[in-house]
Amino acid sequence: MEKEMITILAQLLTAMKDAVYELEKAQKAKDLDKIAMAKSEIINLKNQIDRLL
């Protein structure tokens, strides 16, 4: 893996961590809209990571 790809992967993983945190907050607050948005973001990030690998 090139250095640039590793950097991009690290950024995506950090974004994934943030999205999971937002999902947990939304679940505690029982905010269905935010839960749906966080899940969508997690799926989007997963797809980006899959394409990169």
PDB file of N, CA and C in Angstrom:
ATOM      1  N   MET A   1       0.836  -1.173   0.000  1.00  0.00           N
ATOM      2  CA  MET A   1       0.000   0.000   0.000  1.00  0.00           C
ATOM      3  C   MET A   1       0.886   1.243   0.000  1.00  0.00           C
ATOM      4  N   GLU A   2       0.519   2.206  -0.789  1.00  0.00           N
ATOM      5  CA  GLU A   2       1.278   3.444  -0.842  1.00  0.00           C
ATOM      6  C   GLU A   2       0.973   4.301   0.379  1.00  0.00           C
ATOM      7  N   LYS A   3       1.890   5.214   0.676  1.00  0.00           N
ATOM      8  CA  LYS A   3       1.715   6.100   1.824  1.00  0.00           C
ATOM      9  C   LYS A   3       0.416   6.887   1.729  1.00  0.00           C
ATOM     10  N   GLU A   4       0.115   7.375   0.527  1.00  0.00           N
ATOM     11  CA  GLU A   4      -1.093   8.175   0.324  1.00  0.00           C
ATOM     12  C   GLU A   4      -2.345   7.354   0.637  1.00  0.00           C
ATOM     13  N   MET A   5      -2.359   6.103   0.200  1.00  0.00           N
ATOM     14  CA  MET A   5      -3.513   5.237   0.464  1.00  0.00           C
ATOM     15  C   MET A   5      -3.663   4.974   1.957  1.00  0.00           C
ATOM     16  N   ILE A   6      -2.552   4.814   2.649  1.00  0.00           N
ATOM     17  CA  ILE A   6      -2.596   4.577   4.092  1.00  0.00           C
ATOM     18  C   ILE A   6      -3.168   5.797   4.799  1.00  0.00           C
ATOM     19  N   THR A   7      -2.773   6.984   4.354  1.00  0.00           N
ATOM     20  CA  THR A   7      -3.287   8.219   4.943  1.00  0.00           C
ATOM     21  C   THR A   7      -4.792   8.337   4.723  1.00  0.00           C
ATOM     22  N   ILE A   8      -5.235   8.047   3.513  1.00  0.00           N
ATOM     23  CA  ILE A   8      -6.667   8.109   3.202  1.00  0.00           C
ATOM     24  C   ILE A   8      -7.429   7.087   4.037  1.00  0.00           C
ATOM     25  N   LEU A   9      -6.893   5.893   4.149  1.00  0.00           N
ATOM     26  CA  LEU A   9      -7.529   4.850   4.948  1.00  0.00           C
ATOM     27  C   LEU A   9      -7.635   5.282   6.408  1.00  0.00           C
ATOM     28  N   ALA A  10      -6.594   5.889   6.929  1.00  0.00           N
ATOM     29  CA  ALA A  10      -6.616   6.370   8.312  1.00  0.00           C
ATOM     30  C   ALA A  10      -7.695   7.434   8.500  1.00  0.00           C
ATOM     31  N   GLN A  11      -7.846   8.315   7.531  1.00  0.00           N
ATOM     32  CA  GLN A  11      -8.881   9.345   7.606  1.00  0.00           C
ATOM     33  C   GLN A  11     -10.276   8.723   7.577  1.00  0.00           C
ATOM     34  N   LEU A  12     -10.460   7.723   6.722  1.00  0.00           N
ATOM     35  CA  LEU A  12     -11.758   7.053   6.643  1.00  0.00           C
ATOM     36  C   LEU A  12     -12.079   6.318   7.943  1.00  0.00           C
ATOM     37  N   LEU A  13     -11.076   5.683   8.537  1.00  0.00           N
ATOM     38  CA  LEU A  13     -11.297   4.975   9.794  1.00  0.00           C
ATOM     39  C   LEU A  13     -11.619   5.943  10.927  1.00  0.00           C
ATOM     40  N   THR A  14     -10.992   7.104  10.921  1.00  0.00           N
ATOM     41  CA  THR A  14     -11.306   8.126  11.921  1.00  0.00           C
ATOM     42  C   THR A  14     -12.738   8.617  11.734  1.00  0.00           C
ATOM     43  N   ALA A  15     -13.138   8.822  10.495  1.00  0.00           N
ATOM     44  CA  ALA A  15     -14.512   9.230  10.209  1.00  0.00           C
ATOM     45  C   ALA A  15     -15.493   8.146  10.639  1.00  0.00           C
ATOM     46  N   MET A  16     -15.111   6.886  10.456  1.00  0.00           N
ATOM     47  CA  MET A  16     -15.961   5.770  10.877  1.00  0.00           C
ATOM     48  C   MET A  16     -16.126   5.786  12.396  1.00  0.00           C
ATOM     49  N   LYS A  17     -15.039   6.014  13.111  1.00  0.00           N
ATOM     50  CA  LYS A  17     -15.094   6.076  14.571  1.00  0.00           C
ATOM     51  C   LYS A  17     -16.039   7.194  15.012  1.00  0.00           C
ATOM     52  N   ASP A  18     -15.952   8.344  14.359  1.00  0.00           N
ATOM     53  CA  ASP A  18     -16.823   9.469  14.683  1.00  0.00           C
ATOM     54  C   ASP A  18     -18.286   9.140  14.386  1.00  0.00           C
ATOM     55  N   ALA A  19     -18.534   8.462  13.275  1.00  0.00           N
ATOM     56  CA  ALA A  19     -19.902   8.102  12.901  1.00  0.00           C
ATOM     57  C   ALA A  19     -20.492   7.100  13.890  1.00  0.00           C
ATOM     58  N   VAL A  20     -19.690   6.167  14.359  1.00  0.00           N
ATOM     59  CA  VAL A  20     -20.160   5.196  15.354  1.00  0.00           C
ATOM     60  C   VAL A  20     -20.491   5.916  16.660  1.00  0.00           C
ATOM     61  N   TYR A  21     -19.664   6.888  17.031  1.00  0.00           N
ATOM     62  CA  TYR A  21     -19.921   7.676  18.238  1.00  0.00           C
ATOM     63  C   TYR A  21     -21.249   8.428  18.100  1.00  0.00           C
ATOM     64  N   GLU A  22     -21.476   9.036  16.936  1.00  0.00           N
ATOM     65  CA  GLU A  22     -22.732   9.756  16.697  1.00  0.00           C
ATOM     66  C   GLU A  22     -23.921   8.794  16.738  1.00  0.00           C
ATOM     67  N   LEU A  23     -23.744   7.594  16.211  1.00  0.00           N
ATOM     68  CA  LEU A  23     -24.801   6.586  16.259  1.00  0.00           C
ATOM     69  C   LEU A  23     -25.132   6.228  17.701  1.00  0.00           C
ATOM     70  N   GLU A  24     -24.109   6.031  18.513  1.00  0.00           N
ATOM     71  CA  GLU A  24     -24.336   5.694  19.922  1.00  0.00           C
ATOM     72  C   GLU A  24     -25.070   6.818  20.642  1.00  0.00           C
ATOM     73  N   LYS A  25     -24.690   8.069  20.366  1.00  0.00           N
ATOM     74  CA  LYS A  25     -25.377   9.215  20.978  1.00  0.00           C
ATOM     75  C   LYS A  25     -26.839   9.251  20.555  1.00  0.00           C
ATOM     76  N   ALA A  26     -27.088   9.035  19.273  1.00  0.00           N
ATOM     77  CA  ALA A  26     -28.450   9.072  18.744  1.00  0.00           C
ATOM     78  C   ALA A  26     -29.291   7.944  19.332  1.00  0.00           C
ATOM     79  N   GLN A  27     -28.682   6.770  19.520  1.00  0.00           N
ATOM     80  CA  GLN A  27     -29.418   5.650  20.105  1.00  0.00           C
ATOM     81  C   GLN A  27     -29.791   5.942  21.556  1.00  0.00           C
ATOM     82  N   LYS A  28     -28.883   6.555  22.298  1.00  0.00           N
ATOM     83  CA  LYS A  28     -29.186   6.907  23.689  1.00  0.00           C
ATOM     84  C   LYS A  28     -30.309   7.930  23.760  1.00  0.00           C
ATOM     85  N   ALA A  29     -30.313   8.874  22.799  1.00  0.00           N
ATOM     86  CA  ALA A  29     -31.340   9.911  22.759  1.00  0.00           C
ATOM     87  C   ALA A  29     -32.617   9.427  22.069  1.00  0.00           C
ATOM     88  N   LYS A  30     -32.561   8.237  21.498  1.00  0.00           N
ATOM     89  CA  LYS A  30     -33.688   7.654  20.755  1.00  0.00           C
ATOM     90  C   LYS A  30     -34.162   8.581  19.633  1.00  0.00           C
ATOM     91  N   ASP A  31     -33.194   9.187  18.952  1.00  0.00           N
ATOM     92  CA  ASP A  31     -33.458  10.092  17.836  1.00  0.00           C
ATOM     93  C   ASP A  31     -33.368   9.299  16.531  1.00  0.00           C
ATOM     94  N   LEU A  32     -34.519   8.926  16.011  1.00  0.00           N
ATOM     95  CA  LEU A  32     -34.564   8.044  14.843  1.00  0.00           C
ATOM     96  C   LEU A  32     -33.937   8.666  13.598  1.00  0.00           C
ATOM     97  N   ASP A  33     -34.112   9.974  13.404  1.00  0.00           N
ATOM     98  CA  ASP A  33     -33.520  10.626  12.233  1.00  0.00           C
ATOM     99  C   ASP A  33     -31.996  10.583  12.290  1.00  0.00           C
ATOM    100  N   LYS A  34     -31.439  10.890  13.448  1.00  0.00           N
ATOM    101  CA  LYS A  34     -29.983  10.880  13.587  1.00  0.00           C
ATOM    102  C   LYS A  34     -29.434   9.456  13.506  1.00  0.00           C
ATOM    103  N   ILE A  35     -30.195   8.490  14.002  1.00  0.00           N
ATOM    104  CA  ILE A  35     -29.780   7.086  13.893  1.00  0.00           C
ATOM    105  C   ILE A  35     -29.681   6.698  12.422  1.00  0.00           C
ATOM    106  N   ALA A  36     -30.694   7.054  11.655  1.00  0.00           N
ATOM    107  CA  ALA A  36     -30.706   6.724  10.226  1.00  0.00           C
ATOM    108  C   ALA A  36     -29.557   7.410   9.494  1.00  0.00           C
ATOM    109  N   MET A  37     -29.298   8.675   9.826  1.00  0.00           N
ATOM    110  CA  MET A  37     -28.198   9.397   9.174  1.00  0.00           C
ATOM    111  C   MET A  37     -26.854   8.777   9.526  1.00  0.00           C
ATOM    112  N   ALA A  38     -26.670   8.410  10.783  1.00  0.00           N
ATOM    113  CA  ALA A  38     -25.400   7.813  11.211  1.00  0.00           C
ATOM    114  C   ALA A  38     -25.191   6.457  10.542  1.00  0.00           C
ATOM    115  N   LYS A  39     -26.249   5.653  10.469  1.00  0.00           N
ATOM    116  CA  LYS A  39     -26.134   4.350   9.808  1.00  0.00           C
ATOM    117  C   LYS A  39     -25.778   4.518   8.334  1.00  0.00           C
ATOM    118  N   SER A  40     -26.398   5.492   7.694  1.00  0.00           N
ATOM    119  CA  SER A  40     -26.108   5.762   6.289  1.00  0.00           C
ATOM    120  C   SER A  40     -24.649   6.181   6.111  1.00  0.00           C
ATOM    121  N   GLU A  41     -24.162   7.021   7.001  1.00  0.00           N
ATOM    122  CA  GLU A  41     -22.766   7.468   6.939  1.00  0.00           C
ATOM    123  C   GLU A  41     -21.811   6.296   7.148  1.00  0.00           C
ATOM    124  N   ILE A  42     -22.134   5.413   8.077  1.00  0.00           N
ATOM    125  CA  ILE A  42     -21.290   4.243   8.341  1.00  0.00           C
ATOM    126  C   ILE A  42     -21.225   3.346   7.107  1.00  0.00           C
ATOM    127  N   ILE A  43     -22.362   3.119   6.478  1.00  0.00           N
ATOM    128  CA  ILE A  43     -22.396   2.285   5.269  1.00  0.00           C
ATOM    129  C   ILE A  43     -21.595   2.939   4.147  1.00  0.00           C
ATOM    130  N   ASN A  44     -21.745   4.248   3.993  1.00  0.00           N
ATOM    131  CA  ASN A  44     -20.990   4.976   2.970  1.00  0.00           C
ATOM    132  C   ASN A  44     -19.487   4.849   3.215  1.00  0.00           C
ATOM    133  N   LEU A  45     -19.062   5.035   4.454  1.00  0.00           N
ATOM    134  CA  LEU A  45     -17.640   4.927   4.784  1.00  0.00           C
ATOM    135  C   LEU A  45     -17.128   3.507   4.562  1.00  0.00           C
ATOM    136  N   LYS A  46     -17.949   2.521   4.923  1.00  0.00           N
ATOM    137  CA  LYS A  46     -17.563   1.122   4.709  1.00  0.00           C
ATOM    138  C   LYS A  46     -17.333   0.854   3.226  1.00  0.00           C
ATOM    139  N   ASN A  47     -18.225   1.367   2.396  1.00  0.00           N
ATOM    140  CA  ASN A  47     -18.076   1.179   0.950  1.00  0.00           C
ATOM    141  C   ASN A  47     -16.811   1.852   0.423  1.00  0.00           C
ATOM    142  N   GLN A  48     -16.510   3.039   0.931  1.00  0.00           N
ATOM    143  CA  GLN A  48     -15.289   3.735   0.514  1.00  0.00           C
ATOM    144  C   GLN A  48     -14.046   2.951   0.924  1.00  0.00           C
ATOM    145  N   ILE A  49     -14.063   2.410   2.141  1.00  0.00           N
ATOM    146  CA  ILE A  49     -12.928   1.617   2.622  1.00  0.00           C
ATOM    147  C   ILE A  49     -12.771   0.358   1.772  1.00  0.00           C
ATOM    148  N   ASP A  50     -13.890  -0.300   1.470  1.00  0.00           N
ATOM    149  CA  ASP A  50     -13.843  -1.506   0.632  1.00  0.00           C
ATOM    150  C   ASP A  50     -13.237  -1.205  -0.738  1.00  0.00           C
ATOM    151  N   ARG A  51     -13.632  -0.081  -1.338  1.00  0.00           N
ATOM    152  CA  ARG A  51     -13.090   0.289  -2.652  1.00  0.00           C
ATOM    153  C   ARG A  51     -11.594   0.573  -2.567  1.00  0.00           C
ATOM    154  N   LEU A  52     -11.174   1.181  -1.477  1.00  0.00           N
ATOM    155  CA  LEU A  52      -9.762   1.524  -1.319  1.00  0.00           C
ATOM    156  C   LEU A  52      -8.899   0.281  -1.162  1.00  0.00           C
ATOM    157  N   LEU A  53      -9.430  -0.700  -0.447  1.00  0.00           N
ATOM    158  CA  LEU A  53      -8.667  -1.927  -0.222  1.00  0.00           C
ATOM    159  C   LEU A  53      -8.735  -2.810  -1.452  1.00  0.00           C
TER     160      LEU A  53
END
